[in-house]
């Protein structure tokens, strides 16, 4: 997946990854994709829930090198 921007929240615990994701998405243009890298296991539930609540699209998820990857498309 090609992202327009990457946000590395490795080592940060809830709620910081969500707060940083929110801030990054707000600065992006509609249609752009943000790659979020996280190590906090809570992000597995938090990022999808945040996307659903805010109307942004969770395009893809995955894991690589012990890190969680989320691709969030700004919808509005």
N, C-alpha and C. Protein backbone atom coordinates (compact mmCIF):
# COMPACT_ATOMS: atom_id res chain seq x y z
N UNK A 1 0.86 -1.19 0.00
CA UNK A 1 0.00 0.00 0.00
C UNK A 1 0.89 1.24 0.00
N UNK A 2 0.60 2.16 -0.86
CA UNK A 2 1.34 3.41 -0.92
C UNK A 2 0.63 4.46 -0.09
N UNK A 3 1.38 5.04 0.84
CA UNK A 3 0.81 6.08 1.70
C UNK A 3 1.36 7.44 1.31
N UNK A 4 0.56 8.48 1.53
CA UNK A 4 1.00 9.84 1.27
C UNK A 4 1.87 10.37 2.41
N UNK A 5 1.66 9.80 3.59
CA UNK A 5 2.40 10.24 4.78
C UNK A 5 2.50 9.07 5.75
N UNK A 6 3.57 9.03 6.55
CA UNK A 6 3.76 7.99 7.55
C UNK A 6 3.85 8.62 8.93
N UNK A 7 3.17 7.99 9.88
CA UNK A 7 3.19 8.42 11.28
C UNK A 7 3.66 7.23 12.11
N UNK A 8 4.82 7.36 12.73
CA UNK A 8 5.37 6.28 13.55
C UNK A 8 5.09 6.57 15.02
N UNK A 9 4.20 5.77 15.60
CA UNK A 9 3.86 5.94 17.02
C UNK A 9 4.46 4.81 17.87
N UNK A 10 5.49 4.17 17.35
CA UNK A 10 6.14 3.06 18.06
C UNK A 10 6.57 3.51 19.46
N UNK A 11 6.28 2.66 20.44
CA UNK A 11 6.66 2.94 21.81
C UNK A 11 5.67 3.81 22.58
N UNK A 12 4.67 4.33 21.90
CA UNK A 12 3.67 5.18 22.56
C UNK A 12 2.46 4.35 22.94
N UNK A 13 1.90 4.65 24.09
CA UNK A 13 0.73 3.91 24.59
C UNK A 13 -0.53 4.74 24.44
N UNK A 14 -1.65 4.04 24.45
CA UNK A 14 -2.98 4.64 24.36
C UNK A 14 -3.12 5.73 25.42
N UNK A 15 -3.65 6.86 25.07
CA UNK A 15 -4.34 7.25 23.84
C UNK A 15 -3.47 8.00 22.84
N UNK A 16 -2.17 8.08 23.07
CA UNK A 16 -1.30 8.91 22.23
C UNK A 16 -1.34 8.52 20.74
N UNK A 17 -1.29 7.23 20.37
CA UNK A 17 -1.36 6.93 18.93
C UNK A 17 -2.62 7.47 18.25
N UNK A 18 -3.73 7.40 18.93
CA UNK A 18 -4.99 7.92 18.36
C UNK A 18 -4.94 9.44 18.25
N UNK A 19 -4.44 10.10 19.27
CA UNK A 19 -4.36 11.57 19.24
C UNK A 19 -3.44 12.04 18.12
N UNK A 20 -2.32 11.36 17.93
CA UNK A 20 -1.39 11.72 16.85
C UNK A 20 -1.99 11.40 15.48
N UNK A 21 -2.72 10.30 15.38
CA UNK A 21 -3.39 9.95 14.13
C UNK A 21 -4.42 11.02 13.77
N UNK A 22 -5.22 11.41 14.74
CA UNK A 22 -6.23 12.45 14.53
C UNK A 22 -5.59 13.73 14.01
N UNK A 23 -4.51 14.16 14.66
CA UNK A 23 -3.82 15.39 14.26
C UNK A 23 -3.25 15.30 12.86
N UNK A 24 -2.67 14.16 12.51
CA UNK A 24 -2.08 13.99 11.18
C UNK A 24 -3.15 13.97 10.10
N UNK A 25 -4.25 13.26 10.34
CA UNK A 25 -5.33 13.17 9.35
C UNK A 25 -5.97 14.54 9.13
N UNK A 26 -6.11 15.32 10.19
CA UNK A 26 -6.72 16.64 10.06
C UNK A 26 -5.92 17.54 9.12
N UNK A 27 -4.61 17.34 9.04
CA UNK A 27 -3.75 18.17 8.20
C UNK A 27 -3.67 17.69 6.76
N UNK A 28 -4.23 16.52 6.48
CA UNK A 28 -4.15 15.93 5.15
C UNK A 28 -5.33 16.35 4.29
N UNK A 29 -5.15 16.22 2.98
CA UNK A 29 -6.24 16.50 2.04
C UNK A 29 -7.14 15.27 1.92
N UNK A 30 -8.39 15.50 1.61
CA UNK A 30 -9.34 14.41 1.40
C UNK A 30 -8.80 13.48 0.32
N UNK A 31 -8.87 12.17 0.60
CA UNK A 31 -8.40 11.17 -0.34
C UNK A 31 -6.98 10.70 -0.08
N UNK A 32 -6.22 11.44 0.73
CA UNK A 32 -4.86 11.01 1.03
C UNK A 32 -4.87 9.88 2.05
N UNK A 33 -3.79 9.08 2.04
CA UNK A 33 -3.67 7.92 2.92
C UNK A 33 -2.53 8.12 3.90
N UNK A 34 -2.82 7.86 5.16
CA UNK A 34 -1.84 7.94 6.24
C UNK A 34 -1.47 6.53 6.67
N UNK A 35 -0.18 6.23 6.69
CA UNK A 35 0.30 4.97 7.24
C UNK A 35 0.62 5.22 8.72
N UNK A 36 0.00 4.45 9.60
CA UNK A 36 0.26 4.56 11.03
C UNK A 36 1.00 3.30 11.47
N UNK A 37 2.15 3.48 12.10
CA UNK A 37 2.94 2.38 12.64
C UNK A 37 2.79 2.43 14.15
N UNK A 38 2.43 1.31 14.76
CA UNK A 38 2.19 1.28 16.21
C UNK A 38 2.76 0.00 16.81
N UNK A 39 3.09 0.08 18.09
CA UNK A 39 3.52 -1.10 18.84
C UNK A 39 2.56 -1.41 19.98
N UNK A 40 1.68 -0.50 20.30
CA UNK A 40 0.70 -0.69 21.37
C UNK A 40 -0.40 -1.63 20.88
N UNK A 41 -0.56 -2.77 21.54
CA UNK A 41 -1.57 -3.76 21.13
C UNK A 41 -2.98 -3.17 21.11
N UNK A 42 -3.23 -2.17 21.92
CA UNK A 42 -4.54 -1.53 21.95
C UNK A 42 -4.91 -0.87 20.63
N UNK A 43 -3.92 -0.56 19.82
CA UNK A 43 -4.18 0.08 18.53
C UNK A 43 -4.99 -0.82 17.60
N UNK A 44 -4.91 -2.15 17.81
CA UNK A 44 -5.67 -3.08 16.97
C UNK A 44 -7.17 -2.80 17.05
N UNK A 45 -7.63 -2.38 18.20
CA UNK A 45 -9.05 -2.04 18.36
C UNK A 45 -9.27 -0.54 18.21
N UNK A 46 -8.33 0.26 18.70
CA UNK A 46 -8.51 1.71 18.75
C UNK A 46 -8.55 2.36 17.37
N UNK A 47 -7.64 2.01 16.48
CA UNK A 47 -7.58 2.66 15.16
C UNK A 47 -8.84 2.34 14.34
N UNK A 48 -9.26 1.06 14.23
CA UNK A 48 -10.50 0.80 13.50
C UNK A 48 -11.72 1.50 14.12
N UNK A 49 -11.80 1.53 15.45
CA UNK A 49 -12.93 2.19 16.11
C UNK A 49 -12.91 3.69 15.82
N UNK A 50 -11.74 4.29 15.83
CA UNK A 50 -11.62 5.73 15.55
C UNK A 50 -12.05 6.01 14.11
N UNK A 51 -11.61 5.17 13.18
CA UNK A 51 -11.99 5.36 11.78
C UNK A 51 -13.51 5.29 11.61
N UNK A 52 -14.11 4.30 12.24
CA UNK A 52 -15.57 4.14 12.15
C UNK A 52 -16.29 5.35 12.75
N UNK A 53 -15.80 5.82 13.88
CA UNK A 53 -16.43 6.94 14.58
C UNK A 53 -16.30 8.25 13.80
N UNK A 54 -15.16 8.43 13.11
CA UNK A 54 -14.91 9.70 12.42
C UNK A 54 -15.30 9.69 10.95
N UNK A 55 -15.62 8.50 10.41
CA UNK A 55 -16.00 8.41 9.01
C UNK A 55 -14.83 8.28 8.06
N UNK A 56 -13.63 8.12 8.59
CA UNK A 56 -12.46 7.88 7.73
C UNK A 56 -12.39 6.39 7.43
N UNK A 57 -11.68 6.04 6.36
CA UNK A 57 -11.66 4.65 5.90
C UNK A 57 -10.37 3.94 6.29
N UNK A 58 -10.51 2.81 6.95
CA UNK A 58 -9.36 1.96 7.23
C UNK A 58 -9.18 1.07 6.01
N UNK A 59 -8.20 1.39 5.18
CA UNK A 59 -8.02 0.74 3.90
C UNK A 59 -7.36 -0.63 4.05
N UNK A 60 -6.37 -0.71 4.95
CA UNK A 60 -5.62 -1.95 5.09
C UNK A 60 -4.94 -1.99 6.45
N UNK A 61 -4.72 -3.19 6.97
CA UNK A 61 -3.96 -3.38 8.20
C UNK A 61 -2.95 -4.50 7.97
N UNK A 62 -1.94 -4.54 8.81
CA UNK A 62 -0.96 -5.60 8.70
C UNK A 62 0.04 -5.54 9.83
N UNK A 63 1.02 -6.42 9.77
CA UNK A 63 2.09 -6.46 10.75
C UNK A 63 3.39 -6.69 10.02
N UNK A 64 4.45 -6.05 10.51
CA UNK A 64 5.78 -6.23 9.93
C UNK A 64 6.82 -5.95 11.01
N UNK A 65 7.71 -6.88 11.21
CA UNK A 65 8.78 -6.67 12.18
C UNK A 65 8.30 -6.41 13.59
N UNK A 66 7.18 -7.03 13.97
CA UNK A 66 6.64 -6.82 15.31
C UNK A 66 5.88 -5.52 15.49
N UNK A 67 5.65 -4.81 14.40
CA UNK A 67 4.90 -3.55 14.47
C UNK A 67 3.58 -3.69 13.73
N UNK A 68 2.59 -2.98 14.21
CA UNK A 68 1.26 -2.96 13.59
C UNK A 68 1.22 -1.85 12.55
N UNK A 69 0.61 -2.13 11.42
CA UNK A 69 0.49 -1.14 10.35
C UNK A 69 -0.97 -0.90 10.02
N UNK A 70 -1.32 0.35 9.91
CA UNK A 70 -2.69 0.76 9.57
C UNK A 70 -2.62 1.80 8.46
N UNK A 71 -3.49 1.67 7.48
CA UNK A 71 -3.56 2.63 6.39
C UNK A 71 -4.92 3.29 6.43
N UNK A 72 -4.93 4.56 6.75
CA UNK A 72 -6.16 5.32 6.96
C UNK A 72 -6.32 6.34 5.84
N UNK A 73 -7.46 6.26 5.14
CA UNK A 73 -7.76 7.21 4.07
C UNK A 73 -8.69 8.28 4.61
N UNK A 74 -8.27 9.54 4.41
CA UNK A 74 -9.12 10.64 4.86
C UNK A 74 -10.31 10.77 3.91
N UNK A 75 -11.50 10.65 4.48
CA UNK A 75 -12.72 10.70 3.68
C UNK A 75 -13.35 12.08 3.71
N UNK A 76 -13.30 12.73 4.88
CA UNK A 76 -13.91 14.06 4.96
C UNK A 76 -13.04 15.01 5.71
